Amino acid sequence: MNPTVNTAAHRSLAFGTKLKVTNRKNGRSVVVRVNDRGPFIRGRVLDLSRAAAQNIGMVSSGTAKVCYEVIG
């Protein structure tokens, strides 16, 4: 996973799937492309690249409650 590109890891979505990910705390959104498998920590659904995490304001916290929708 390239930390400078808006990408994400998901356990089962097809590679190349585009997702709109929204931080539930602040309402900020980013569009990411699934290009990796994971996360492998119980209770987590997505791993975001650092760039994507910065765009939705969750780098300092490390984790956040998010909503996501498949857009392509």
C-alpha atoms as a PDB file:
ATOM      1  CA  MET A   1       0.000   0.000   0.000  1.00  0.00           C
ATOM      2  CA  ASN A   2       1.386   3.364  -1.039  1.00  0.00           C
ATOM      3  CA  PRO A   3       1.013   5.855   1.856  1.00  0.00           C
ATOM      4  CA  THR A   4       0.885   8.876  -0.487  1.00  0.00           C
ATOM      5  CA  VAL A   5      -2.119   7.708  -2.551  1.00  0.00           C
ATOM      6  CA  ASN A   6      -5.774   7.450  -1.440  1.00  0.00           C
ATOM      7  CA  THR A   7      -6.035   3.680  -1.119  1.00  0.00           C
ATOM      8  CA  ALA A   8      -7.519   1.160   1.294  1.00  0.00           C
ATOM      9  CA  ALA A   9      -7.351  -2.465   2.322  1.00  0.00           C
ATOM     10  CA  HIS A  10     -10.516  -4.559   2.677  1.00  0.00           C
ATOM     11  CA  ARG A  11     -10.901  -8.280   3.351  1.00  0.00           C
ATOM     12  CA  SER A  12     -13.298  -9.160   0.550  1.00  0.00           C
ATOM     13  CA  LEU A  13     -14.069  -6.286  -1.832  1.00  0.00           C
ATOM     14  CA  ALA A  14     -12.544  -6.674  -5.295  1.00  0.00           C
ATOM     15  CA  PHE A  15      -9.313  -4.868  -6.028  1.00  0.00           C
ATOM     16  CA  GLY A  16     -10.044  -1.632  -7.859  1.00  0.00           C
ATOM     17  CA  THR A  17     -13.356  -1.031  -6.063  1.00  0.00           C
ATOM     18  CA  LYS A  18     -13.843   2.652  -5.278  1.00  0.00           C
ATOM     19  CA  LEU A  19     -15.247   3.612  -1.892  1.00  0.00           C
ATOM     20  CA  LYS A  20     -16.396   6.890  -0.409  1.00  0.00           C
ATOM     21  CA  VAL A  21     -15.216   6.833   3.208  1.00  0.00           C
ATOM     22  CA  THR A  22     -16.664   9.358   5.677  1.00  0.00           C
ATOM     23  CA  ASN A  23     -15.360  10.091   9.160  1.00  0.00           C
ATOM     24  CA  ARG A  24     -18.466   9.971  11.357  1.00  0.00           C
ATOM     25  CA  LYS A  25     -17.003  12.398  13.889  1.00  0.00           C
ATOM     26  CA  ASN A  26     -16.281  15.332  11.566  1.00  0.00           C
ATOM     27  CA  GLY A  27     -18.173  14.513   8.339  1.00  0.00           C
ATOM     28  CA  ARG A  28     -15.076  14.707   6.118  1.00  0.00           C
ATOM     29  CA  SER A  29     -14.964  12.264   3.179  1.00  0.00           C
ATOM     30  CA  VAL A  30     -12.412  10.812   0.794  1.00  0.00           C
ATOM     31  CA  VAL A  31     -12.651   8.501  -2.223  1.00  0.00           C
ATOM     32  CA  VAL A  32     -10.257   5.548  -2.050  1.00  0.00           C
ATOM     33  CA  ARG A  33      -9.468   2.539  -4.225  1.00  0.00           C
ATOM     34  CA  VAL A  34      -9.155  -0.939  -2.694  1.00  0.00           C
ATOM     35  CA  ASN A  35      -5.720  -2.317  -3.563  1.00  0.00           C
ATOM     36  CA  ASP A  36      -4.812  -4.548  -0.623  1.00  0.00           C
ATOM     37  CA  ARG A  37      -6.199  -7.162   1.772  1.00  0.00           C
ATOM     38  CA  GLY A  38      -6.789  -6.503   5.449  1.00  0.00           C
ATOM     39  CA  PRO A  39      -7.186  -5.330   8.102  1.00  0.00           C
ATOM     40  CA  PHE A  40      -6.367  -8.347  10.197  1.00  0.00           C
ATOM     41  CA  ILE A  41      -7.344  -6.837  13.542  1.00  0.00           C
ATOM     42  CA  ARG A  42     -10.701  -7.868  14.979  1.00  0.00           C
ATOM     43  CA  GLY A  43     -13.354  -5.168  14.793  1.00  0.00           C
ATOM     44  CA  ARG A  44     -11.761  -3.217  11.952  1.00  0.00           C
ATOM     45  CA  VAL A  45     -13.269  -3.111   8.472  1.00  0.00           C
ATOM     46  CA  LEU A  46     -10.855  -0.908   6.489  1.00  0.00           C
ATOM     47  CA  ASP A  47      -7.212   0.081   6.583  1.00  0.00           C
ATOM     48  CA  LEU A  48      -6.640   3.470   4.982  1.00  0.00           C
ATOM     49  CA  SER A  49      -3.406   4.807   3.556  1.00  0.00           C
ATOM     50  CA  ARG A  50      -1.847   7.726   5.417  1.00  0.00           C
ATOM     51  CA  ALA A  51      -2.943  10.145   2.667  1.00  0.00           C
ATOM     52  CA  ALA A  52      -6.570   8.999   2.926  1.00  0.00           C
ATOM     53  CA  ALA A  53      -6.461   9.154   6.736  1.00  0.00           C
ATOM     54  CA  GLN A  54      -5.102  12.717   6.572  1.00  0.00           C
ATOM     55  CA  ASN A  55      -7.896  13.773   4.221  1.00  0.00           C
ATOM     56  CA  ILE A  56     -10.570  12.751   6.723  1.00  0.00           C
ATOM     57  CA  GLY A  57      -8.718  13.980   9.801  1.00  0.00           C
ATOM     58  CA  MET A  58      -7.879  10.729  11.577  1.00  0.00           C
ATOM     59  CA  VAL A  59      -4.070  10.548  11.515  1.00  0.00           C
ATOM     60  CA  SER A  60      -3.590  11.745  15.084  1.00  0.00           C
ATOM     61  CA  SER A  61      -6.160   9.331  16.534  1.00  0.00           C
ATOM     62  CA  GLY A  62      -5.033   6.381  14.404  1.00  0.00           C
ATOM     63  CA  THR A  63      -8.540   4.931  14.240  1.00  0.00           C
ATOM     64  CA  ALA A  64     -11.980   6.380  13.660  1.00  0.00           C
ATOM     65  CA  LYS A  65     -15.554   5.301  13.207  1.00  0.00           C
ATOM     66  CA  VAL A  66     -16.315   5.644   9.519  1.00  0.00           C
ATOM     67  CA  CYS A  67     -19.100   4.945   7.071  1.00  0.00           C
ATOM     68  CA  TYR A  68     -18.275   3.749   3.601  1.00  0.00           C
ATOM     69  CA  GLU A  69     -20.198   3.207   0.399  1.00  0.00           C
ATOM     70  CA  VAL A  70     -19.208   1.521  -2.826  1.00  0.00           C
ATOM     71  CA  ILE A  71     -19.238   4.060  -5.657  1.00  0.00           C
ATOM     72  CA  GLY A  72     -17.561   2.108  -8.417  1.00  0.00           C
END
